[in-house]
Amino acid sequence: MNDHKTAEHTIGDHKHGPDCGHEAVEHGDHVDYVHDGHRHAEHEDHYDEH
């Protein structure tokens, strides 16, 4: 069962990555970045919120 909700956040000028300043968290087959208390995962032209 998937126990987390997702929402979309538009990618603006900021690009999450190893040197972006946000905490990186491994999440299955990708890395989420903690931003404003939410975990963001890049997906096409937006971020999914986990």
PDB file of N, CA and C in Angstrom:
ATOM      1  N   MET A   1       0.842  -1.190   0.000  1.00  0.00           N
ATOM      2  CA  MET A   1       0.000   0.000   0.000  1.00  0.00           C
ATOM      3  C   MET A   1       0.878   1.241   0.000  1.00  0.00           C
ATOM      4  N   ASN A   2       0.553   2.238  -0.802  1.00  0.00           N
ATOM      5  CA  ASN A   2       1.274   3.495  -0.860  1.00  0.00           C
ATOM      6  C   ASN A   2       0.720   4.403   0.222  1.00  0.00           C
ATOM      7  N   ASP A   3       1.536   4.723   1.232  1.00  0.00           N
ATOM      8  CA  ASP A   3       1.023   5.465   2.382  1.00  0.00           C
ATOM      9  C   ASP A   3       1.379   6.943   2.371  1.00  0.00           C
ATOM     10  N   HIS A   4       1.799   7.467   1.230  1.00  0.00           N
ATOM     11  CA  HIS A   4       2.057   8.900   1.200  1.00  0.00           C
ATOM     12  C   HIS A   4       1.297   9.558   0.060  1.00  0.00           C
ATOM     13  N   LYS A   5       1.019  10.838   0.251  1.00  0.00           N
ATOM     14  CA  LYS A   5       0.289  11.611  -0.744  1.00  0.00           C
ATOM     15  C   LYS A   5       1.290  12.298  -1.662  1.00  0.00           C
ATOM     16  N   THR A   6       0.884  12.578  -2.886  1.00  0.00           N
ATOM     17  CA  THR A   6       1.743  13.332  -3.787  1.00  0.00           C
ATOM     18  C   THR A   6       1.003  14.575  -4.254  1.00  0.00           C
ATOM     19  N   ALA A   7       1.758  15.595  -4.533  1.00  0.00           N
ATOM     20  CA  ALA A   7       1.243  16.829  -5.114  1.00  0.00           C
ATOM     21  C   ALA A   7       2.317  17.313  -6.074  1.00  0.00           C
ATOM     22  N   GLU A   8       1.960  18.165  -6.996  1.00  0.00           N
ATOM     23  CA  GLU A   8       2.930  18.668  -7.956  1.00  0.00           C
ATOM     24  C   GLU A   8       3.374  20.077  -7.581  1.00  0.00           C
ATOM     25  N   HIS A   9       4.669  20.325  -7.751  1.00  0.00           N
ATOM     26  CA  HIS A   9       5.251  21.647  -7.568  1.00  0.00           C
ATOM     27  C   HIS A   9       6.001  21.988  -8.832  1.00  0.00           C
ATOM     28  N   THR A  10       5.745  23.161  -9.376  1.00  0.00           N
ATOM     29  CA  THR A  10       6.407  23.589 -10.598  1.00  0.00           C
ATOM     30  C   THR A  10       7.882  23.824 -10.333  1.00  0.00           C
ATOM     31  N   ILE A  11       8.711  23.405 -11.285  1.00  0.00           N
ATOM     32  CA  ILE A  11      10.141  23.668 -11.205  1.00  0.00           C
ATOM     33  C   ILE A  11      10.372  25.088 -11.690  1.00  0.00           C
ATOM     34  N   GLY A  12      10.924  25.921 -10.828  1.00  0.00           N
ATOM     35  CA  GLY A  12      11.252  27.298 -11.200  1.00  0.00           C
ATOM     36  C   GLY A  12      12.733  27.375 -11.501  1.00  0.00           C
ATOM     37  N   ASP A  13      13.367  28.413 -11.020  1.00  0.00           N
ATOM     38  CA  ASP A  13      14.797  28.594 -11.239  1.00  0.00           C
ATOM     39  C   ASP A  13      15.620  27.613 -10.424  1.00  0.00           C
ATOM     40  N   HIS A  14      15.081  27.133  -9.308  1.00  0.00           N
ATOM     41  CA  HIS A  14      15.830  26.223  -8.445  1.00  0.00           C
ATOM     42  C   HIS A  14      15.804  24.807  -9.009  1.00  0.00           C
ATOM     43  N   LYS A  15      16.951  24.164  -8.996  1.00  0.00           N
ATOM     44  CA  LYS A  15      17.073  22.778  -9.448  1.00  0.00           C
ATOM     45  C   LYS A  15      17.687  21.985  -8.305  1.00  0.00           C
ATOM     46  N   HIS A  16      16.943  20.999  -7.771  1.00  0.00           N
ATOM     47  CA  HIS A  16      17.486  20.163  -6.711  1.00  0.00           C
ATOM     48  C   HIS A  16      18.616  19.302  -7.261  1.00  0.00           C
ATOM     49  N   GLY A  17      19.617  19.081  -6.437  1.00  0.00           N
ATOM     50  CA  GLY A  17      20.759  18.255  -6.809  1.00  0.00           C
ATOM     51  C   GLY A  17      21.737  18.188  -5.660  1.00  0.00           C
ATOM     52  N   PRO A  18      22.879  17.517  -5.866  1.00  0.00           N
ATOM     53  CA  PRO A  18      23.843  17.295  -4.783  1.00  0.00           C
ATOM     54  C   PRO A  18      24.330  18.572  -4.091  1.00  0.00           C
ATOM     55  N   ASP A  19      24.361  19.700  -4.789  1.00  0.00           N
ATOM     56  CA  ASP A  19      24.879  20.937  -4.205  1.00  0.00           C
ATOM     57  C   ASP A  19      23.816  22.020  -4.058  1.00  0.00           C
ATOM     58  N   CYS A  20      22.532  21.623  -3.975  1.00  0.00           N
ATOM     59  CA  CYS A  20      21.454  22.619  -3.941  1.00  0.00           C
ATOM     60  C   CYS A  20      21.212  23.205  -2.553  1.00  0.00           C
ATOM     61  N   GLY A  21      21.766  22.573  -1.517  1.00  0.00           N
ATOM     62  CA  GLY A  21      21.580  23.080  -0.165  1.00  0.00           C
ATOM     63  C   GLY A  21      20.450  22.426   0.600  1.00  0.00           C
ATOM     64  N   HIS A  22      19.677  21.555  -0.048  1.00  0.00           N
ATOM     65  CA  HIS A  22      18.597  20.848   0.640  1.00  0.00           C
ATOM     66  C   HIS A  22      19.047  19.433   0.994  1.00  0.00           C
ATOM     67  N   GLU A  23      18.503  18.912   2.090  1.00  0.00           N
ATOM     68  CA  GLU A  23      18.844  17.559   2.528  1.00  0.00           C
ATOM     69  C   GLU A  23      18.374  16.537   1.497  1.00  0.00           C
ATOM     70  N   ALA A  24      19.281  15.625   1.119  1.00  0.00           N
ATOM     71  CA  ALA A  24      18.962  14.550   0.173  1.00  0.00           C
ATOM     72  C   ALA A  24      18.570  13.297   0.952  1.00  0.00           C
ATOM     73  N   VAL A  25      17.487  12.635   0.524  1.00  0.00           N
ATOM     74  CA  VAL A  25      16.992  11.426   1.176  1.00  0.00           C
ATOM     75  C   VAL A  25      16.742  10.370   0.106  1.00  0.00           C
ATOM     76  N   GLU A  26      17.445   9.228   0.208  1.00  0.00           N
ATOM     77  CA  GLU A  26      17.198   8.147  -0.750  1.00  0.00           C
ATOM     78  C   GLU A  26      15.790   7.614  -0.547  1.00  0.00           C
ATOM     79  N   HIS A  27      15.070   7.416  -1.664  1.00  0.00           N
ATOM     80  CA  HIS A  27      13.676   6.974  -1.603  1.00  0.00           C
ATOM     81  C   HIS A  27      13.443   5.987  -2.740  1.00  0.00           C
ATOM     82  N   GLY A  28      13.670   4.715  -2.466  1.00  0.00           N
ATOM     83  CA  GLY A  28      13.526   3.686  -3.502  1.00  0.00           C
ATOM     84  C   GLY A  28      14.581   3.856  -4.577  1.00  0.00           C
ATOM     85  N   ASP A  29      14.141   4.095  -5.812  1.00  0.00           N
ATOM     86  CA  ASP A  29      15.075   4.195  -6.931  1.00  0.00           C
ATOM     87  C   ASP A  29      15.446   5.632  -7.283  1.00  0.00           C
ATOM     88  N   HIS A  30      15.147   6.596  -6.390  1.00  0.00           N
ATOM     89  CA  HIS A  30      15.475   7.993  -6.670  1.00  0.00           C
ATOM     90  C   HIS A  30      15.823   8.709  -5.363  1.00  0.00           C
ATOM     91  N   VAL A  31      16.182   9.963  -5.479  1.00  0.00           N
ATOM     92  CA  VAL A  31      16.524  10.785  -4.311  1.00  0.00           C
ATOM     93  C   VAL A  31      15.494  11.895  -4.188  1.00  0.00           C
ATOM     94  N   ASP A  32      14.953  12.071  -2.986  1.00  0.00           N
ATOM     95  CA  ASP A  32      14.074  13.189  -2.677  1.00  0.00           C
ATOM     96  C   ASP A  32      14.914  14.270  -2.017  1.00  0.00           C
ATOM     97  N   TYR A  33      14.458  15.509  -2.121  1.00  0.00           N
ATOM     98  CA  TYR A  33      15.130  16.621  -1.459  1.00  0.00           C
ATOM     99  C   TYR A  33      14.133  17.297  -0.537  1.00  0.00           C
ATOM    100  N   VAL A  34      14.515  17.477   0.732  1.00  0.00           N
ATOM    101  CA  VAL A  34      13.636  18.078   1.728  1.00  0.00           C
ATOM    102  C   VAL A  34      13.637  19.587   1.524  1.00  0.00           C
ATOM    103  N   HIS A  35      12.426  20.148   1.313  1.00  0.00           N
ATOM    104  CA  HIS A  35      12.268  21.576   1.049  1.00  0.00           C
ATOM    105  C   HIS A  35      11.000  22.057   1.742  1.00  0.00           C
ATOM    106  N   ASP A  36      11.123  22.999   2.634  1.00  0.00           N
ATOM    107  CA  ASP A  36       9.985  23.544   3.384  1.00  0.00           C
ATOM    108  C   ASP A  36       9.190  22.452   4.092  1.00  0.00           C
ATOM    109  N   GLY A  37       9.888  21.456   4.640  1.00  0.00           N
ATOM    110  CA  GLY A  37       9.238  20.402   5.396  1.00  0.00           C
ATOM    111  C   GLY A  37       8.614  19.297   4.558  1.00  0.00           C
ATOM    112  N   HIS A  38       8.818  19.338   3.240  1.00  0.00           N
ATOM    113  CA  HIS A  38       8.277  18.326   2.335  1.00  0.00           C
ATOM    114  C   HIS A  38       9.406  17.701   1.541  1.00  0.00           C
ATOM    115  N   ARG A  39       9.221  16.464   1.122  1.00  0.00           N
ATOM    116  CA  ARG A  39      10.211  15.811   0.266  1.00  0.00           C
ATOM    117  C   ARG A  39       9.779  15.957  -1.180  1.00  0.00           C
ATOM    118  N   HIS A  40      10.672  16.484  -2.010  1.00  0.00           N
ATOM    119  CA  HIS A  40      10.403  16.690  -3.426  1.00  0.00           C
ATOM    120  C   HIS A  40      11.197  15.699  -4.261  1.00  0.00           C
ATOM    121  N   ALA A  41      10.551  15.127  -5.280  1.00  0.00           N
ATOM    122  CA  ALA A  41      11.202  14.219  -6.229  1.00  0.00           C
ATOM    123  C   ALA A  41      10.930  14.747  -7.631  1.00  0.00           C
ATOM    124  N   GLU A  42      12.000  14.965  -8.424  1.00  0.00           N
ATOM    125  CA  GLU A  42      11.828  15.488  -9.773  1.00  0.00           C
ATOM    126  C   GLU A  42      11.058  14.496 -10.640  1.00  0.00           C
ATOM    127  N   HIS A  43      10.115  15.027 -11.415  1.00  0.00           N
ATOM    128  CA  HIS A  43       9.313  14.208 -12.322  1.00  0.00           C
ATOM    129  C   HIS A  43       8.930  15.079 -13.518  1.00  0.00           C
ATOM    130  N   GLU A  44       9.530  14.811 -14.680  1.00  0.00           N
ATOM    131  CA  GLU A  44       9.309  15.587 -15.904  1.00  0.00           C
ATOM    132  C   GLU A  44       9.552  17.070 -15.637  1.00  0.00           C
ATOM    133  N   ASP A  45       8.550  17.940 -15.775  1.00  0.00           N
ATOM    134  CA  ASP A  45       8.762  19.373 -15.613  1.00  0.00           C
ATOM    135  C   ASP A  45       8.248  19.912 -14.283  1.00  0.00           C
ATOM    136  N   HIS A  46       8.134  19.026 -13.282  1.00  0.00           N
ATOM    137  CA  HIS A  46       7.667  19.436 -11.958  1.00  0.00           C
ATOM    138  C   HIS A  46       8.289  18.517 -10.905  1.00  0.00           C
ATOM    139  N   TYR A  47       8.032  18.832  -9.648  1.00  0.00           N
ATOM    140  CA  TYR A  47       8.440  17.957  -8.538  1.00  0.00           C
ATOM    141  C   TYR A  47       7.204  17.349  -7.924  1.00  0.00           C
ATOM    142  N   ASP A  48       7.282  16.049  -7.627  1.00  0.00           N
ATOM    143  CA  ASP A  48       6.235  15.394  -6.851  1.00  0.00           C
ATOM    144  C   ASP A  48       6.584  15.578  -5.377  1.00  0.00           C
ATOM    145  N   GLU A  49       5.575  15.832  -4.576  1.00  0.00           N
ATOM    146  CA  GLU A  49       5.773  16.002  -3.139  1.00  0.00           C
ATOM    147  C   GLU A  49       5.415  14.693  -2.470  1.00  0.00           C
ATOM    148  N   HIS A  50       6.318  14.196  -1.646  1.00  0.00           N
ATOM    149  CA  HIS A  50       6.095  12.916  -0.941  1.00  0.00           C
ATOM    150  C   HIS A  50       5.915  13.187   0.537  1.00  0.00           C
TER     151      HIS A  50
END
